[in-house]
PDB file of N, CA and C in Angstrom:
ATOM      1  N   UNK A   1     -45.495  17.064  53.256  1.00  0.00           N
ATOM      2  CA  UNK A   1     -44.735  18.039  53.842  1.00  0.00           C
ATOM      3  C   UNK A   1     -45.643  18.486  54.973  1.00  0.00           C
ATOM      4  N   UNK A   2     -46.722  18.686  55.020  1.00  0.00           N
ATOM      5  CA  UNK A   2     -47.524  19.495  55.875  1.00  0.00           C
ATOM      6  C   UNK A   2     -47.823  18.542  56.998  1.00  0.00           C
ATOM      7  N   UNK A   3     -47.718  17.275  57.049  1.00  0.00           N
ATOM      8  CA  UNK A   3     -47.871  16.383  57.992  1.00  0.00           C
ATOM      9  C   UNK A   3     -46.669  16.193  58.982  1.00  0.00           C
ATOM     10  N   UNK A   4     -45.619  16.392  58.197  1.00  0.00           N
ATOM     11  CA  UNK A   4     -44.309  16.294  58.946  1.00  0.00           C
ATOM     12  C   UNK A   4     -44.227  17.615  59.776  1.00  0.00           C
ATOM     13  N   UNK A   5     -44.409  18.734  58.921  1.00  0.00           N
ATOM     14  CA  UNK A   5     -44.506  20.068  59.620  1.00  0.00           C
ATOM     15  C   UNK A   5     -45.137  20.101  60.950  1.00  0.00           C
ATOM     16  N   UNK A   6     -46.507  19.487  60.908  1.00  0.00           N
ATOM     17  CA  UNK A   6     -47.397  19.406  62.091  1.00  0.00           C
ATOM     18  C   UNK A   6     -46.795  18.570  63.032  1.00  0.00           C
ATOM     19  N   UNK A   7     -45.938  17.705  62.807  1.00  0.00           N
ATOM     20  CA  UNK A   7     -44.901  16.687  63.997  1.00  0.00           C
ATOM     21  C   UNK A   7     -44.018  17.610  64.431  1.00  0.00           C
ATOM     22  N   UNK A   8     -43.735  18.653  63.835  1.00  0.00           N
ATOM     23  CA  UNK A   8     -42.469  19.370  64.596  1.00  0.00           C
ATOM     24  C   UNK A   8     -41.528  19.478  63.698  1.00  0.00           C
ATOM     25  N   UNK A   9     -41.466  18.879  62.578  1.00  0.00           N
ATOM     26  CA  UNK A   9     -40.111  18.376  61.409  1.00  0.00           C
ATOM     27  C   UNK A   9     -40.073  19.538  60.608  1.00  0.00           C
ATOM     28  N   UNK A  10     -38.966  19.630  60.026  1.00  0.00           N
ATOM     29  CA  UNK A  10     -38.666  21.140  59.183  1.00  0.00           C
ATOM     30  C   UNK A  10     -38.285  20.356  57.694  1.00  0.00           C
ATOM     31  N   UNK A  11     -39.478  19.738  57.041  1.00  0.00           N
ATOM     32  CA  UNK A  11     -38.968  19.171  55.846  1.00  0.00           C
ATOM     33  C   UNK A  11     -38.856  20.155  54.679  1.00  0.00           C
ATOM     34  N   UNK A  12     -37.785  19.792  53.752  1.00  0.00           N
ATOM     35  CA  UNK A  12     -37.604  20.635  52.418  1.00  0.00           C
ATOM     36  C   UNK A  12     -37.945  19.851  51.170  1.00  0.00           C
ATOM     37  N   UNK A  13     -38.401  20.634  50.335  1.00  0.00           N
ATOM     38  CA  UNK A  13     -38.802  20.249  48.957  1.00  0.00           C
ATOM     39  C   UNK A  13     -37.627  20.392  47.974  1.00  0.00           C
ATOM     40  N   UNK A  14     -37.143  19.159  47.445  1.00  0.00           N
ATOM     41  CA  UNK A  14     -36.146  19.271  46.366  1.00  0.00           C
ATOM     42  C   UNK A  14     -36.801  18.490  45.276  1.00  0.00           C
ATOM     43  N   UNK A  15     -37.448  19.381  44.460  1.00  0.00           N
ATOM     44  CA  UNK A  15     -37.772  18.675  43.297  1.00  0.00           C
ATOM     45  C   UNK A  15     -39.214  18.038  43.616  1.00  0.00           C
ATOM     46  N   UNK A  16     -39.168  16.582  43.285  1.00  0.00           N
ATOM     47  CA  UNK A  16     -40.296  15.889  43.561  1.00  0.00           C
ATOM     48  C   UNK A  16     -40.257  15.258  44.909  1.00  0.00           C
ATOM     49  N   UNK A  17     -39.116  15.376  45.648  1.00  0.00           N
ATOM     50  CA  UNK A  17     -38.720  14.698  46.865  1.00  0.00           C
ATOM     51  C   UNK A  17     -38.659  15.504  48.083  1.00  0.00           C
ATOM     52  N   UNK A  18     -38.999  14.822  49.009  1.00  0.00           N
ATOM     53  CA  UNK A  18     -39.096  15.567  50.372  1.00  0.00           C
ATOM     54  C   UNK A  18     -37.930  14.931  51.256  1.00  0.00           C
ATOM     55  N   UNK A  19     -37.235  15.954  51.654  1.00  0.00           N
ATOM     56  CA  UNK A  19     -36.313  15.622  52.618  1.00  0.00           C
ATOM     57  C   UNK A  19     -36.255  16.239  53.942  1.00  0.00           C
ATOM     58  N   UNK A  20     -36.189  15.366  54.854  1.00  0.00           N
ATOM     59  CA  UNK A  20     -36.324  15.652  56.439  1.00  0.00           C
ATOM     60  C   UNK A  20     -35.092  14.899  57.151  1.00  0.00           C
ATOM     61  N   UNK A  21     -35.182  15.761  58.510  1.00  0.00           N
ATOM     62  CA  UNK A  21     -33.782  15.264  59.342  1.00  0.00           C
ATOM     63  C   UNK A  21     -35.045  14.507  60.498  1.00  0.00           C
ATOM     64  N   UNK A  22     -34.429  13.149  60.731  1.00  0.00           N
ATOM     65  CA  UNK A  22     -35.145  12.533  61.821  1.00  0.00           C
ATOM     66  C   UNK A  22     -34.666  12.727  63.159  1.00  0.00           C
ATOM     67  N   UNK A  23     -35.109  12.326  64.107  1.00  0.00           N
ATOM     68  CA  UNK A  23     -34.700  12.641  65.318  1.00  0.00           C
ATOM     69  C   UNK A  23     -33.799  11.429  66.155  1.00  0.00           C
ATOM     70  N   UNK A  24     -32.843  10.792  65.269  1.00  0.00           N
ATOM     71  CA  UNK A  24     -31.955   9.771  65.757  1.00  0.00           C
ATOM     72  C   UNK A  24     -30.822   9.844  65.180  1.00  0.00           C
ATOM     73  N   UNK A  25     -30.082   9.324  65.735  1.00  0.00           N
ATOM     74  CA  UNK A  25     -28.373   9.475  65.250  1.00  0.00           C
ATOM     75  C   UNK A  25     -28.068   8.066  64.814  1.00  0.00           C
ATOM     76  N   UNK A  26     -27.371   7.880  63.691  1.00  0.00           N
ATOM     77  CA  UNK A  26     -26.901   6.625  63.068  1.00  0.00           C
ATOM     78  C   UNK A  26     -24.967   6.763  63.392  1.00  0.00           C
ATOM     79  N   UNK A  27     -24.778   5.665  64.069  1.00  0.00           N
ATOM     80  CA  UNK A  27     -23.277   5.410  64.332  1.00  0.00           C
ATOM     81  C   UNK A  27     -22.879   6.724  64.658  1.00  0.00           C
ATOM     82  N   UNK A  28     -24.034   7.420  65.819  1.00  0.00           N
ATOM     83  CA  UNK A  28     -23.551   8.490  66.872  1.00  0.00           C
ATOM     84  C   UNK A  28     -23.209   9.809  65.816  1.00  0.00           C
ATOM     85  N   UNK A  29     -23.784   9.751  64.451  1.00  0.00           N
ATOM     86  CA  UNK A  29     -23.716  11.058  63.725  1.00  0.00           C
ATOM     87  C   UNK A  29     -24.960  11.324  63.297  1.00  0.00           C
ATOM     88  N   UNK A  30     -25.587  12.532  63.901  1.00  0.00           N
ATOM     89  CA  UNK A  30     -26.572  13.174  63.795  1.00  0.00           C
ATOM     90  C   UNK A  30     -26.815  13.551  61.935  1.00  0.00           C
ATOM     91  N   UNK A  31     -25.665  13.872  61.589  1.00  0.00           N
ATOM     92  CA  UNK A  31     -25.835  14.426  60.191  1.00  0.00           C
ATOM     93  C   UNK A  31     -26.085  13.387  59.124  1.00  0.00           C
ATOM     94  N   UNK A  32     -26.134  12.084  59.581  1.00  0.00           N
ATOM     95  CA  UNK A  32     -26.458  10.954  58.923  1.00  0.00           C
ATOM     96  C   UNK A  32     -28.224  10.810  58.971  1.00  0.00           C
ATOM     97  N   UNK A  33     -28.597  11.602  59.835  1.00  0.00           N
ATOM     98  CA  UNK A  33     -30.074  11.193  60.018  1.00  0.00           C
ATOM     99  C   UNK A  33     -31.108  11.801  59.035  1.00  0.00           C
ATOM    100  N   UNK A  34     -30.438  12.592  57.967  1.00  0.00           N
ATOM    101  CA  UNK A  34     -31.336  13.202  57.020  1.00  0.00           C
ATOM    102  C   UNK A  34     -31.668  12.065  55.808  1.00  0.00           C
ATOM    103  N   UNK A  35     -32.804  12.005  55.592  1.00  0.00           N
ATOM    104  CA  UNK A  35     -33.185  11.043  54.759  1.00  0.00           C
ATOM    105  C   UNK A  35     -34.389  11.741  53.455  1.00  0.00           C
ATOM    106  N   UNK A  36     -34.403  11.162  52.614  1.00  0.00           N
ATOM    107  CA  UNK A  36     -35.369  11.648  51.527  1.00  0.00           C
ATOM    108  C   UNK A  36     -36.236  10.564  51.070  1.00  0.00           C
ATOM    109  N   UNK A  37     -37.586  11.144  50.382  1.00  0.00           N
ATOM    110  CA  UNK A  37     -38.421  10.090  50.163  1.00  0.00           C
ATOM    111  C   UNK A  37     -39.263  10.691  48.938  1.00  0.00           C
ATOM    112  N   UNK A  38     -40.118   9.964  48.347  1.00  0.00           N
ATOM    113  CA  UNK A  38     -40.645  10.637  47.082  1.00  0.00           C
ATOM    114  C   UNK A  38     -42.180  10.142  46.908  1.00  0.00           C
ATOM    115  N   UNK A  39     -42.822  11.019  47.866  1.00  0.00           N
ATOM    116  CA  UNK A  39     -44.421  10.761  47.964  1.00  0.00           C
ATOM    117  C   UNK A  39     -45.182  10.695  46.746  1.00  0.00           C
ATOM    118  N   UNK A  40     -46.001   9.175  46.700  1.00  0.00           N
ATOM    119  CA  UNK A  40     -46.569   9.316  45.347  1.00  0.00           C
ATOM    120  C   UNK A  40     -47.786  10.188  45.508  1.00  0.00           C
ATOM    121  N   UNK A  41     -48.489  10.768  44.109  1.00  0.00           N
ATOM    122  CA  UNK A  41     -49.630  11.696  44.327  1.00  0.00           C
ATOM    123  C   UNK A  41     -50.839  11.034  45.073  1.00  0.00           C
ATOM    124  N   UNK A  42     -50.718   9.828  45.324  1.00  0.00           N
ATOM    125  CA  UNK A  42     -51.948   9.285  45.991  1.00  0.00           C
ATOM    126  C   UNK A  42     -51.789   8.733  47.292  1.00  0.00           C
ATOM    127  N   UNK A  43     -50.654   9.550  47.704  1.00  0.00           N
ATOM    128  CA  UNK A  43     -50.394   9.367  49.226  1.00  0.00           C
ATOM    129  C   UNK A  43     -51.396  10.307  50.114  1.00  0.00           C
ATOM    130  N   UNK A  44     -51.907   9.766  51.062  1.00  0.00           N
ATOM    131  CA  UNK A  44     -51.544   8.659  51.921  1.00  0.00           C
ATOM    132  C   UNK A  44     -51.966   7.243  51.729  1.00  0.00           C
ATOM    133  N   UNK A  45     -52.861   6.738  50.504  1.00  0.00           N
ATOM    134  CA  UNK A  45     -53.128   5.612  50.417  1.00  0.00           C
ATOM    135  C   UNK A  45     -52.222   4.776  49.641  1.00  0.00           C
ATOM    136  N   UNK A  46     -51.290   5.153  49.073  1.00  0.00           N
ATOM    137  CA  UNK A  46     -49.916   4.481  48.580  1.00  0.00           C
ATOM    138  C   UNK A  46     -48.842   5.084  49.496  1.00  0.00           C
ATOM    139  N   UNK A  47     -48.267   4.397  49.957  1.00  0.00           N
ATOM    140  CA  UNK A  47     -46.822   4.642  50.663  1.00  0.00           C
ATOM    141  C   UNK A  47     -45.561   5.136  49.449  1.00  0.00           C
ATOM    142  N   UNK A  48     -44.546   6.197  50.207  1.00  0.00           N
ATOM    143  CA  UNK A  48     -43.445   6.343  49.244  1.00  0.00           C
ATOM    144  C   UNK A  48     -42.714   4.709  49.089  1.00  0.00           C
ATOM    145  N   UNK A  49     -42.221   4.604  48.329  1.00  0.00           N
ATOM    146  CA  UNK A  49     -41.530   3.472  47.696  1.00  0.00           C
ATOM    147  C   UNK A  49     -39.695   3.687  48.171  1.00  0.00           C
ATOM    148  N   UNK A  50     -39.402   4.572  47.664  1.00  0.00           N
ATOM    149  CA  UNK A  50     -37.874   4.968  47.819  1.00  0.00           C
ATOM    150  C   UNK A  50     -37.447   5.815  48.802  1.00  0.00           C
ATOM    151  N   UNK A  51     -36.155   5.342  49.725  1.00  0.00           N
ATOM    152  CA  UNK A  51     -35.642   5.909  50.618  1.00  0.00           C
ATOM    153  C   UNK A  51     -34.241   6.325  50.367  1.00  0.00           C
ATOM    154  N   UNK A  52     -34.223   7.771  50.157  1.00  0.00           N
ATOM    155  CA  UNK A  52     -32.796   8.526  49.874  1.00  0.00           C
ATOM    156  C   UNK A  52     -31.956   8.752  51.103  1.00  0.00           C
ATOM    157  N   UNK A  53     -31.066   8.071  50.973  1.00  0.00           N
ATOM    158  CA  UNK A  53     -29.984   8.090  52.205  1.00  0.00           C
ATOM    159  C   UNK A  53     -28.640   8.578  51.603  1.00  0.00           C
ATOM    160  N   UNK A  54     -27.672   9.406  52.466  1.00  0.00           N
ATOM    161  CA  UNK A  54     -26.683   9.901  52.236  1.00  0.00           C
ATOM    162  C   UNK A  54     -25.680   8.521  51.912  1.00  0.00           C
ATOM    163  N   UNK A  55     -24.845   8.853  51.014  1.00  0.00           N
ATOM    164  CA  UNK A  55     -24.174   7.625  50.578  1.00  0.00           C
ATOM    165  C   UNK A  55     -23.133   7.061  51.214  1.00  0.00           C
ATOM    166  N   UNK A  56     -22.979   7.454  52.663  1.00  0.00           N
ATOM    167  CA  UNK A  56     -22.211   6.931  53.560  1.00  0.00           C
ATOM    168  C   UNK A  56     -22.847   5.762  54.581  1.00  0.00           C
ATOM    169  N   UNK A  57     -24.225   5.706  53.992  1.00  0.00           N
ATOM    170  CA  UNK A  57     -24.972   4.723  54.521  1.00  0.00           C
ATOM    171  C   UNK A  57     -25.511   3.562  53.603  1.00  0.00           C
ATOM    172  N   UNK A  58     -25.469   2.301  54.088  1.00  0.00           N
ATOM    173  CA  UNK A  58     -25.872   1.188  53.221  1.00  0.00           C
ATOM    174  C   UNK A  58     -26.944   0.254  53.970  1.00  0.00           C
ATOM    175  N   UNK A  59     -27.912   0.089  53.257  1.00  0.00           N
ATOM    176  CA  UNK A  59     -29.121  -0.788  53.756  1.00  0.00           C
ATOM    177  C   UNK A  59     -28.608  -2.485  53.405  1.00  0.00           C
ATOM    178  N   UNK A  60     -29.264  -3.150  54.365  1.00  0.00           N
ATOM    179  CA  UNK A  60     -28.927  -4.634  54.136  1.00  0.00           C
ATOM    180  C   UNK A  60     -29.851  -4.909  52.773  1.00  0.00           C
ATOM    181  N   UNK A  61     -29.253  -6.139  52.345  1.00  0.00           N
ATOM    182  CA  UNK A  61     -30.176  -6.568  51.094  1.00  0.00           C
ATOM    183  C   UNK A  61     -30.032  -5.952  49.657  1.00  0.00           C
ATOM    184  N   UNK A  62     -28.705  -5.664  49.573  1.00  0.00           N
ATOM    185  CA  UNK A  62     -28.720  -5.016  48.172  1.00  0.00           C
ATOM    186  C   UNK A  62     -28.147  -3.624  47.930  1.00  0.00           C
ATOM    187  N   UNK A  63     -27.818  -3.509  46.945  1.00  0.00           N
ATOM    188  CA  UNK A  63     -27.189  -1.910  46.638  1.00  0.00           C
ATOM    189  C   UNK A  63     -28.082  -0.916  46.385  1.00  0.00           C
ATOM    190  N   UNK A  64     -27.948   0.221  46.735  1.00  0.00           N
ATOM    191  CA  UNK A  64     -28.768   1.417  46.385  1.00  0.00           C
ATOM    192  C   UNK A  64     -28.650   1.673  44.813  1.00  0.00           C
ATOM    193  N   UNK A  65     -29.304   2.533  44.252  1.00  0.00           N
ATOM    194  CA  UNK A  65     -29.111   3.085  43.046  1.00  0.00           C
ATOM    195  C   UNK A  65     -29.020   4.403  43.336  1.00  0.00           C
ATOM    196  N   UNK A  66     -28.748   5.364  42.035  1.00  0.00           N
ATOM    197  CA  UNK A  66     -28.308   6.825  42.255  1.00  0.00           C
ATOM    198  C   UNK A  66     -29.691   7.519  42.447  1.00  0.00           C
ATOM    199  N   UNK A  67     -29.311   8.692  43.066  1.00  0.00           N
ATOM    200  CA  UNK A  67     -30.705   9.391  43.807  1.00  0.00           C
ATOM    201  C   UNK A  67     -30.667  10.706  42.819  1.00  0.00           C
ATOM    202  N   UNK A  68     -31.970  11.194  42.729  1.00  0.00           N
ATOM    203  CA  UNK A  68     -32.010  12.559  42.136  1.00  0.00           C
ATOM    204  C   UNK A  68     -31.620  13.530  43.256  1.00  0.00           C
ATOM    205  N   UNK A  69     -31.141  13.126  44.168  1.00  0.00           N
ATOM    206  CA  UNK A  69     -30.533  14.144  45.367  1.00  0.00           C
ATOM    207  C   UNK A  69     -29.244  14.662  45.220  1.00  0.00           C
ATOM    208  N   UNK A  70     -28.554  13.665  44.074  1.00  0.00           N
ATOM    209  CA  UNK A  70     -27.065  14.113  43.530  1.00  0.00           C
ATOM    210  C   UNK A  70     -26.200  12.856  44.071  1.00  0.00           C
ATOM    211  N   UNK A  71     -24.985  13.372  43.708  1.00  0.00           N
ATOM    212  CA  UNK A  71     -23.859  12.251  44.112  1.00  0.00           C
ATOM    213  C   UNK A  71     -23.918  11.500  45.238  1.00  0.00           C
ATOM    214  N   UNK A  72     -24.136  12.477  46.122  1.00  0.00           N
ATOM    215  CA  UNK A  72     -23.773  12.410  47.716  1.00  0.00           C
ATOM    216  C   UNK A  72     -24.919  11.642  48.376  1.00  0.00           C
ATOM    217  N   UNK A  73     -25.869  10.924  47.570  1.00  0.00           N
ATOM    218  CA  UNK A  73     -27.004  10.084  47.968  1.00  0.00           C
ATOM    219  C   UNK A  73     -27.168   9.138  46.999  1.00  0.00           C
ATOM    220  N   UNK A  74     -27.847   7.863  47.571  1.00  0.00           N
ATOM    221  CA  UNK A  74     -28.198   6.875  47.084  1.00  0.00           C
ATOM    222  C   UNK A  74     -29.815   6.609  47.430  1.00  0.00           C
ATOM    223  N   UNK A  75     -30.380   5.720  46.669  1.00  0.00           N
ATOM    224  CA  UNK A  75     -31.631   5.513  46.848  1.00  0.00           C
ATOM    225  C   UNK A  75     -32.016   4.091  46.978  1.00  0.00           C
ATOM    226  N   UNK A  76     -32.907   3.848  47.855  1.00  0.00           N
ATOM    227  CA  UNK A  76     -33.043   2.245  48.355  1.00  0.00           C
ATOM    228  C   UNK A  76     -34.711   1.883  48.076  1.00  0.00           C
ATOM    229  N   UNK A  77     -34.775   1.036  47.152  1.00  0.00           N
ATOM    230  CA  UNK A  77     -36.384   0.452  47.286  1.00  0.00           C
ATOM    231  C   UNK A  77     -36.636  -0.402  48.645  1.00  0.00           C
ATOM    232  N   UNK A  78     -37.404   0.247  49.285  1.00  0.00           N
ATOM    233  CA  UNK A  78     -37.915  -0.475  50.745  1.00  0.00           C
ATOM    234  C   UNK A  78     -39.543   0.047  50.903  1.00  0.00           C
ATOM    235  N   UNK A  79     -40.078  -0.628  50.111  1.00  0.00           N
ATOM    236  CA  UNK A  79     -41.468  -0.515  50.349  1.00  0.00           C
ATOM    237  C   UNK A  79     -41.977  -0.806  51.634  1.00  0.00           C
ATOM    238  N   UNK A  80     -42.978  -0.239  52.092  1.00  0.00           N
ATOM    239  CA  UNK A  80     -43.408  -0.511  53.453  1.00  0.00           C
ATOM    240  C   UNK A  80     -44.273  -1.855  53.599  1.00  0.00           C
ATOM    241  N   UNK A  81     -43.926  -2.655  54.419  1.00  0.00           N
ATOM    242  CA  UNK A  81     -44.690  -4.314  54.145  1.00  0.00           C
ATOM    243  C   UNK A  81     -46.025  -4.246  54.576  1.00  0.00           C
ATOM    244  N   UNK A  82     -46.556  -3.471  55.577  1.00  0.00           N
ATOM    245  CA  UNK A  82     -48.000  -3.292  55.968  1.00  0.00           C
ATOM    246  C   UNK A  82     -48.721  -2.140  56.160  1.00  0.00           C
ATOM    247  N   UNK A  83     -48.588  -1.487  55.074  1.00  0.00           N
ATOM    248  CA  UNK A  83     -49.113  -0.050  54.769  1.00  0.00           C
ATOM    249  C   UNK A  83     -50.490  -0.267  55.336  1.00  0.00           C
ATOM    250  N   UNK A  84     -50.832   0.887  55.976  1.00  0.00           N
ATOM    251  CA  UNK A  84     -52.341   1.091  56.470  1.00  0.00           C
ATOM    252  C   UNK A  84     -52.708   2.597  56.173  1.00  0.00           C
ATOM    253  N   UNK A  85     -52.034   3.261  55.861  1.00  0.00           N
ATOM    254  CA  UNK A  85     -52.034   4.619  55.261  1.00  0.00           C
ATOM    255  C   UNK A  85     -53.234   5.410  56.163  1.00  0.00           C
ATOM    256  N   UNK A  86     -54.198   6.410  55.578  1.00  0.00           N
ATOM    257  CA  UNK A  86     -55.228   6.850  56.251  1.00  0.00           C
ATOM    258  C   UNK A  86     -54.425   8.147  57.162  1.00  0.00           C
ATOM    259  N   UNK A  87     -55.189   8.583  58.376  1.00  0.00           N
ATOM    260  CA  UNK A  87     -54.885   9.447  59.120  1.00  0.00           C
ATOM    261  C   UNK A  87     -53.501   9.622  59.530  1.00  0.00           C
ATOM    262  N   UNK A  88     -52.983   8.363  60.017  1.00  0.00           N
ATOM    263  CA  UNK A  88     -51.521   8.214  60.606  1.00  0.00           C
ATOM    264  C   UNK A  88     -50.721   7.891  59.546  1.00  0.00           C
ATOM    265  N   UNK A  89     -50.769   8.259  58.244  1.00  0.00           N
ATOM    266  CA  UNK A  89     -49.827   7.757  57.194  1.00  0.00           C
ATOM    267  C   UNK A  89     -48.319   8.417  57.613  1.00  0.00           C
ATOM    268  N   UNK A  90     -48.324   9.640  57.999  1.00  0.00           N
ATOM    269  CA  UNK A  90     -47.063  10.366  58.111  1.00  0.00           C
ATOM    270  C   UNK A  90     -46.134   9.633  59.217  1.00  0.00           C
ATOM    271  N   UNK A  91     -46.763   9.397  60.379  1.00  0.00           N
ATOM    272  CA  UNK A  91     -46.576   8.550  61.425  1.00  0.00           C
ATOM    273  C   UNK A  91     -45.887   7.403  61.205  1.00  0.00           C
ATOM    274  N   UNK A  92     -46.533   6.703  60.115  1.00  0.00           N
ATOM    275  CA  UNK A  92     -46.456   5.281  59.704  1.00  0.00           C
ATOM    276  C   UNK A  92     -45.217   5.345  58.833  1.00  0.00           C
ATOM    277  N   UNK A  93     -44.877   6.383  58.286  1.00  0.00           N
ATOM    278  CA  UNK A  93     -43.725   6.270  57.169  1.00  0.00           C
ATOM    279  C   UNK A  93     -42.744   6.470  58.001  1.00  0.00           C
ATOM    280  N   UNK A  94     -42.856   7.390  59.227  1.00  0.00           N
ATOM    281  CA  UNK A  94     -41.488   7.805  59.778  1.00  0.00           C
ATOM    282  C   UNK A  94     -41.180   6.623  60.738  1.00  0.00           C
ATOM    283  N   UNK A  95     -42.242   6.099  61.301  1.00  0.00           N
ATOM    284  CA  UNK A  95     -41.594   4.515  61.529  1.00  0.00           C
ATOM    285  C   UNK A  95     -40.688   3.778  60.815  1.00  0.00           C
ATOM    286  N   UNK A  96     -41.293   3.655  59.693  1.00  0.00           N
ATOM    287  CA  UNK A  96     -40.663   2.651  58.804  1.00  0.00           C
ATOM    288  C   UNK A  96     -39.259   3.427  58.388  1.00  0.00           C
ATOM    289  N   UNK A  97     -39.293   4.528  58.043  1.00  0.00           N
ATOM    290  CA  UNK A  97     -38.034   5.233  57.912  1.00  0.00           C
ATOM    291  C   UNK A  97     -36.808   5.006  58.881  1.00  0.00           C
ATOM    292  N   UNK A  98     -37.197   5.232  60.277  1.00  0.00           N
ATOM    293  CA  UNK A  98     -36.499   5.056  61.334  1.00  0.00           C
ATOM    294  C   UNK A  98     -36.103   3.835  61.430  1.00  0.00           C
ATOM    295  N   UNK A  99     -36.949   2.499  61.110  1.00  0.00           N
ATOM    296  CA  UNK A  99     -36.573   1.343  61.381  1.00  0.00           C
ATOM    297  C   UNK A  99     -35.598   0.909  60.470  1.00  0.00           C
ATOM    298  N   UNK A 100     -35.652   1.247  59.309  1.00  0.00           N
ATOM    299  CA  UNK A 100     -34.552   1.091  58.075  1.00  0.00           C
ATOM    300  C   UNK A 100     -33.256   1.946  58.510  1.00  0.00           C
ATOM    301  N   UNK A 101     -33.263   3.220  58.938  1.00  0.00           N
ATOM    302  CA  UNK A 101     -32.076   3.788  59.337  1.00  0.00           C
ATOM    303  C   UNK A 101     -31.349   3.266  60.372  1.00  0.00           C
ATOM    304  N   UNK A 102     -32.065   2.511  61.443  1.00  0.00           N
ATOM    305  CA  UNK A 102     -31.557   1.744  62.630  1.00  0.00           C
ATOM    306  C   UNK A 102     -30.831   0.461  62.036  1.00  0.00           C
ATOM    307  N   UNK A 103     -31.275  -0.179  60.915  1.00  0.00           N
ATOM    308  CA  UNK A 103     -30.450  -1.197  60.106  1.00  0.00           C
ATOM    309  C   UNK A 103     -29.409  -1.120  59.082  1.00  0.00           C
ATOM    310  N   UNK A 104     -29.265   0.408  58.933  1.00  0.00           N
ATOM    311  CA  UNK A 104     -28.158   0.896  58.095  1.00  0.00           C
ATOM    312  C   UNK A 104     -26.904   0.909  58.771  1.00  0.00           C
ATOM    313  N   UNK A 105     -25.772   0.567  57.990  1.00  0.00           N
ATOM    314  CA  UNK A 105     -24.571   0.580  58.384  1.00  0.00           C
ATOM    315  C   UNK A 105     -23.773   1.654  57.531  1.00  0.00           C
ATOM    316  N   UNK A 106     -22.316   1.823  58.063  1.00  0.00           N
ATOM    317  CA  UNK A 106     -21.579   2.703  57.342  1.00  0.00           C
ATOM    318  C   UNK A 106     -21.116   2.213  56.102  1.00  0.00           C
ATOM    319  N   UNK A 107     -20.926   2.551  54.922  1.00  0.00           N
ATOM    320  CA  UNK A 107     -20.546   1.963  53.708  1.00  0.00           C
ATOM    321  C   UNK A 107     -18.987   2.059  53.504  1.00  0.00           C
TER     322      UNK A 107
END
């Protein structure tokens, strides 16, 4: 949360999840750029595993699962492929989340 806020984002805590609006539009809809994640207790050493997206979006390579964010959301198992962590962990996660969003399609 603090790292996102330092970068100018306005993250929100929803239970154990962090929800943030990214600075990109999906299918020209800025309202779909809201994402959630579940940072593990040992972040930044270990990256968040799940990406929570609004149910209007689908990621390639399989179906999402139900999300703790509610009926309007799905969670997707998308671990970071080359996690380095450390001081740039928040930026590294943001880049990963943006790349996944850019691959998303309308469901």
